[in-house]
């Protein structure tokens, strides 16, 4: 009996972690699949989409209403029925798990905090560098950030399988909690008052990497104990977010003698 070949469009959608159509998304939720985000067409009010939205929110999944044209642009199957879910390549962990991982190794925590990195390639590169540098985890905000999608996993070269990633609803509040737990918060900023190579990164540290366009937000910046400046000798005065993360993390590696 001849086997039917799966349509190329469906194969592409699955490779990118896209789950299209009402029944497919409902089944994914029922099966407990890790889902990063659910997009629902704005203005749609039928029971099936309402059930998907409420179930997703109950599970802590980001549910976003968007213009149907955005769904059309995302869709590979052209039969999204007003809903597309983006699968996560792994489950997010509580911040406590990251701190526990550092404690289990007998090391002062070294955590990377990404403030609204929307480019999945940048997030994947940061995760890859953080894993290579021996960081204990990465924290991202729930909104306005790339998540643990297939693109992030590919860019991380598999690092997402080894490095825990937490996703929090309020990044500023999370930083306050980390400070209460004894961590120093180091932000990276072009106008930072502390030269990177004069900073003490040997103790418990959270390194904040700002967004690609505007850097750290005001509320996040206010939570930083120190604002680090990376030496810039050329005519361009800014670095890619993942490059900045690599420079700071490996200075921490050098100081910690790893």
Protein backbone atom coordinates (compact mmCIF):
# COMPACT_ATOMS: atom_id res chain seq x y z
CA UNK A 1 0.00 0.00 0.00
CA UNK A 2 1.51 3.32 -1.08
CA UNK A 3 2.13 5.83 1.73
CA UNK A 4 1.00 9.38 1.15
CA UNK A 5 3.63 12.07 1.38
CA UNK A 6 2.85 14.83 3.85
CA UNK A 7 2.25 18.19 2.15
CA UNK A 8 5.39 20.34 2.06
CA UNK A 9 3.53 23.28 3.59
CA UNK A 10 2.50 21.17 6.57
CA UNK A 11 6.05 19.89 7.00
CA UNK A 12 7.36 23.48 6.99
CA UNK A 13 4.79 24.55 9.57
CA UNK A 14 5.67 21.67 11.88
CA UNK A 15 9.40 22.36 11.49
CA UNK A 16 8.83 25.94 12.63
CA UNK A 17 6.65 24.81 15.53
CA UNK A 18 3.42 26.23 14.08
CA UNK A 19 0.15 24.55 15.08
CA UNK A 20 -2.59 25.77 12.79
CA UNK A 21 -6.35 25.38 13.03
CA UNK A 22 -8.84 25.08 15.87
CA UNK A 23 -8.86 21.32 16.29
CA UNK A 24 -5.06 21.08 16.11
CA UNK A 25 -4.58 23.77 18.77
CA UNK A 26 -7.27 22.29 21.03
CA UNK A 27 -5.61 18.86 20.78
CA UNK A 28 -2.20 20.37 21.55
CA UNK A 29 -3.61 22.02 24.68
CA UNK A 30 -5.38 18.83 25.70
CA UNK A 31 -2.16 16.84 25.28
CA UNK A 32 -0.26 19.26 27.51
CA UNK A 33 2.14 20.29 24.75
CA UNK A 34 4.54 23.12 25.63
CA UNK A 35 3.18 26.17 23.84
CA UNK A 36 4.96 29.51 23.69
CA UNK A 37 2.19 31.74 22.34
CA UNK A 38 -1.27 31.57 20.81
CA UNK A 39 -2.39 34.06 18.15
CA UNK A 40 -6.14 34.54 17.66
CA UNK A 41 -7.83 36.63 14.99
CA UNK A 42 -9.16 39.87 16.43
CA UNK A 43 -12.93 40.12 16.49
CA UNK A 44 -13.60 36.38 16.34
CA UNK A 45 -16.07 35.44 19.09
CA UNK A 46 -17.10 31.82 18.50
CA UNK A 47 -17.03 29.23 21.27
CA UNK A 48 -14.05 27.24 19.98
CA UNK A 49 -11.70 30.23 19.91
CA UNK A 50 -13.03 31.38 23.28
CA UNK A 51 -12.24 27.96 24.72
CA UNK A 52 -8.72 28.06 23.26
CA UNK A 53 -8.08 31.53 24.68
CA UNK A 54 -9.34 30.74 28.17
CA UNK A 55 -7.54 27.38 28.34
CA UNK A 56 -4.32 28.97 27.14
CA UNK A 57 -4.48 31.78 29.69
CA UNK A 58 -5.26 29.30 32.47
CA UNK A 59 -2.04 27.49 31.56
CA UNK A 60 -0.04 30.72 31.62
CA UNK A 61 0.38 30.86 27.85
CA UNK A 62 0.58 34.26 26.17
CA UNK A 63 -2.63 34.72 24.14
CA UNK A 64 -2.52 37.57 21.63
CA UNK A 65 -5.30 38.97 19.48
CA UNK A 66 -4.05 40.11 16.10
CA UNK A 67 -5.23 41.15 12.68
CA UNK A 68 -6.23 38.23 10.48
CA UNK A 69 -3.68 39.43 7.91
CA UNK A 70 -0.91 38.67 10.40
CA UNK A 71 -2.20 35.12 10.72
CA UNK A 72 -2.35 34.85 6.93
CA UNK A 73 1.29 35.92 6.77
CA UNK A 74 2.34 33.41 9.44
CA UNK A 75 0.37 30.48 8.04
CA UNK A 76 2.05 27.78 5.99
CA UNK A 77 -1.08 25.71 5.42
CA UNK A 78 -3.41 28.61 4.52
CA UNK A 79 -6.11 27.03 6.68
CA UNK A 80 -5.46 28.52 10.12
CA UNK A 81 -9.18 29.06 10.91
CA UNK A 82 -8.36 32.17 12.93
CA UNK A 83 -5.84 30.62 15.32
CA UNK A 84 -2.16 29.67 15.26
CA UNK A 85 -0.18 28.38 18.23
CA UNK A 86 3.61 28.47 18.36
CA UNK A 87 5.04 25.44 20.12
CA UNK A 88 7.82 25.87 22.68
CA UNK A 89 10.76 23.52 22.29
CA UNK A 90 10.79 22.94 26.05
CA UNK A 91 8.95 23.98 29.18
CA UNK A 92 9.90 27.16 31.01
CA UNK A 93 11.13 26.76 34.57
CA UNK A 94 10.51 28.80 37.74
CA UNK A 95 13.25 31.30 38.63
CA UNK A 96 13.74 29.28 41.82
CA UNK A 97 14.97 26.34 39.72
CA UNK A 98 17.75 28.49 38.27
CA UNK A 99 18.88 29.58 41.72
CA UNK A 100 18.70 25.98 42.91
CA UNK A 101 20.92 24.88 40.00
CA UNK A 102 23.62 27.33 41.10
CA UNK A 103 23.33 26.17 44.70
CA UNK A 104 23.62 22.52 43.67
CA UNK A 105 26.91 23.32 41.92
CA UNK A 106 28.17 25.29 44.89
CA UNK A 107 28.57 28.39 42.71
CA UNK A 108 27.38 31.99 43.08
CA UNK A 109 24.47 32.44 40.67
CA UNK A 110 25.21 33.89 37.24
CA UNK A 111 21.96 34.69 35.45
CA UNK A 112 21.28 36.47 32.17
CA UNK A 113 18.15 38.63 32.07
CA UNK A 114 16.91 39.63 28.60
CA UNK A 115 14.80 42.77 28.55
CA UNK A 116 12.43 42.38 25.60
CA UNK A 117 14.71 40.76 23.04
CA UNK A 118 12.22 40.38 20.21
CA UNK A 119 14.58 38.88 17.65
CA UNK A 120 14.61 35.08 18.10
CA UNK A 121 18.09 34.86 16.54
CA UNK A 122 19.43 37.24 19.19
CA UNK A 123 17.76 35.32 22.00
CA UNK A 124 19.07 32.02 20.65
CA UNK A 125 22.59 33.43 20.43
CA UNK A 126 22.40 34.75 24.01
CA UNK A 127 21.24 31.35 25.28
CA UNK A 128 24.06 29.65 23.40
CA UNK A 129 26.69 31.98 24.87
CA UNK A 130 25.20 31.76 28.36
CA UNK A 131 25.34 27.96 28.29
CA UNK A 132 28.93 27.97 27.01
CA UNK A 133 29.97 30.46 29.72
CA UNK A 134 28.48 28.33 32.49
CA UNK A 135 25.62 30.67 33.38
CA UNK A 136 22.92 29.00 35.45
CA UNK A 137 19.94 30.25 33.50
CA UNK A 138 18.23 32.93 31.44
CA UNK A 139 15.16 34.98 32.37
CA UNK A 140 12.87 36.59 29.78
CA UNK A 141 9.65 38.60 30.12
CA UNK A 142 6.33 37.07 29.21
CA UNK A 143 5.37 39.91 26.86
CA UNK A 144 7.26 41.67 24.05
CA UNK A 145 9.95 39.02 23.87
CA UNK A 146 10.91 36.11 21.67
CA UNK A 147 10.20 32.78 23.33
CA UNK A 148 11.59 29.26 23.17
CA UNK A 149 10.54 28.65 19.59
CA UNK A 150 12.08 26.39 16.96
CA UNK A 151 14.06 29.33 15.53
CA UNK A 152 15.53 30.12 18.95
CA UNK A 153 16.42 26.47 19.44
CA UNK A 154 18.20 26.30 16.08
CA UNK A 155 20.13 29.52 16.72
CA UNK A 156 21.14 28.31 20.18
CA UNK A 157 22.75 25.23 18.57
CA UNK A 158 20.93 23.01 21.06
CA UNK A 159 21.80 25.03 24.17
CA UNK A 160 18.10 25.33 25.07
CA UNK A 161 18.19 21.63 25.90
CA UNK A 162 20.71 22.24 28.68
CA UNK A 163 20.17 25.77 30.00
CA UNK A 164 17.00 26.49 32.02
CA UNK A 165 14.95 29.47 30.87
CA UNK A 166 12.36 31.20 33.07
CA UNK A 167 9.62 33.47 31.78
CA UNK A 168 8.13 36.02 34.17
CA UNK A 169 5.16 38.37 33.98
CA UNK A 170 6.94 41.31 35.62
CA UNK A 171 10.66 41.61 34.95
CA UNK A 172 11.22 44.57 37.27
CA UNK A 173 9.59 42.71 40.17
CA UNK A 174 11.71 39.66 39.36
CA UNK A 175 14.88 41.75 39.57
CA UNK A 176 13.79 43.09 42.96
CA UNK A 177 13.30 39.52 44.17
CA UNK A 178 16.75 38.53 42.90
CA UNK A 179 18.26 41.46 44.77
CA UNK A 180 16.43 40.34 47.92
CA UNK A 181 18.07 36.94 47.40
CA UNK A 182 21.51 38.56 47.43
CA UNK A 183 22.21 38.98 43.72
CA UNK A 184 23.78 42.13 42.29
CA UNK A 185 22.10 43.39 39.13
CA UNK A 186 24.40 44.61 36.35
CA UNK A 187 22.82 46.40 33.41
CA UNK A 188 24.60 47.04 30.12
CA UNK A 189 24.30 50.58 28.79
CA UNK A 190 26.26 52.83 26.45
CA UNK A 191 26.25 55.54 29.11
CA UNK A 192 27.11 53.17 31.94
CA UNK A 193 29.16 54.69 34.75
CA UNK A 194 31.09 51.52 35.64
CA UNK A 195 33.71 50.31 33.13
CA UNK A 196 33.21 46.59 32.51
CA UNK A 197 36.78 45.67 33.47
CA UNK A 198 36.43 47.54 36.75
CA UNK A 199 33.27 45.70 37.82
CA UNK A 200 33.27 42.86 40.36
CA UNK A 201 31.42 39.97 38.76
CA UNK A 202 32.70 37.25 41.08
CA UNK A 203 29.67 37.25 43.37
CA UNK A 204 26.00 36.41 42.76
CA UNK A 205 25.09 38.34 39.62
CA UNK A 206 22.26 38.98 37.19
CA UNK A 207 23.39 40.52 33.90
CA UNK A 208 20.66 42.49 32.10
CA UNK A 209 20.81 42.73 28.31
CA UNK A 210 18.57 45.40 26.79
CA UNK A 211 16.43 45.17 23.68
CA UNK A 212 17.85 45.49 20.18
CA UNK A 213 16.55 48.96 19.50
CA UNK A 214 16.13 50.95 22.70
CA UNK A 215 18.18 49.05 25.26
CA UNK A 216 16.85 48.59 28.78
CA UNK A 217 13.48 50.05 29.70
CA UNK A 218 13.30 52.71 32.41
CA UNK A 219 11.83 50.44 35.09
CA UNK A 220 14.45 47.78 34.43
CA UNK A 221 17.25 50.32 34.42
CA UNK A 222 16.11 51.61 37.82
CA UNK A 223 16.52 48.12 39.30
CA UNK A 224 20.18 47.86 38.26
CA UNK A 225 22.79 48.22 40.98
CA UNK A 226 25.45 49.01 38.38
CA UNK A 227 25.36 50.16 34.76
CA UNK A 228 28.28 48.65 32.87
CA UNK A 229 29.95 50.27 29.89
CA UNK A 230 31.83 48.12 27.38
CA UNK A 231 34.92 49.80 25.88
CA UNK A 232 34.15 51.07 22.37
CA UNK A 233 37.14 52.06 20.26
CA UNK A 234 35.56 52.28 16.82
CA UNK A 235 33.22 54.76 15.16
CA UNK A 236 30.12 52.70 15.96
CA UNK A 237 28.99 53.06 19.57
CA UNK A 238 26.76 50.05 20.05
CA UNK A 239 26.97 46.25 19.97
CA UNK A 240 24.52 43.55 19.02
CA UNK A 241 22.71 42.29 22.14
CA UNK A 242 24.21 38.80 21.91
CA UNK A 243 27.73 40.22 21.42
CA UNK A 244 27.33 42.42 24.50
CA UNK A 245 26.14 39.42 26.50
CA UNK A 246 29.17 37.39 25.39
CA UNK A 247 31.64 40.09 26.40
CA UNK A 248 30.14 40.55 29.86
CA UNK A 249 29.69 36.83 30.53
CA UNK A 250 33.24 35.95 29.63
CA UNK A 251 34.57 38.73 31.82
CA UNK A 252 32.60 37.03 34.61
CA UNK A 253 34.19 33.69 33.58
CA UNK A 254 37.66 35.25 33.75
CA UNK A 255 37.05 36.77 37.18
CA UNK A 256 35.56 33.57 38.58
CA UNK A 257 38.52 31.56 37.39
CA UNK A 258 36.48 28.99 35.50
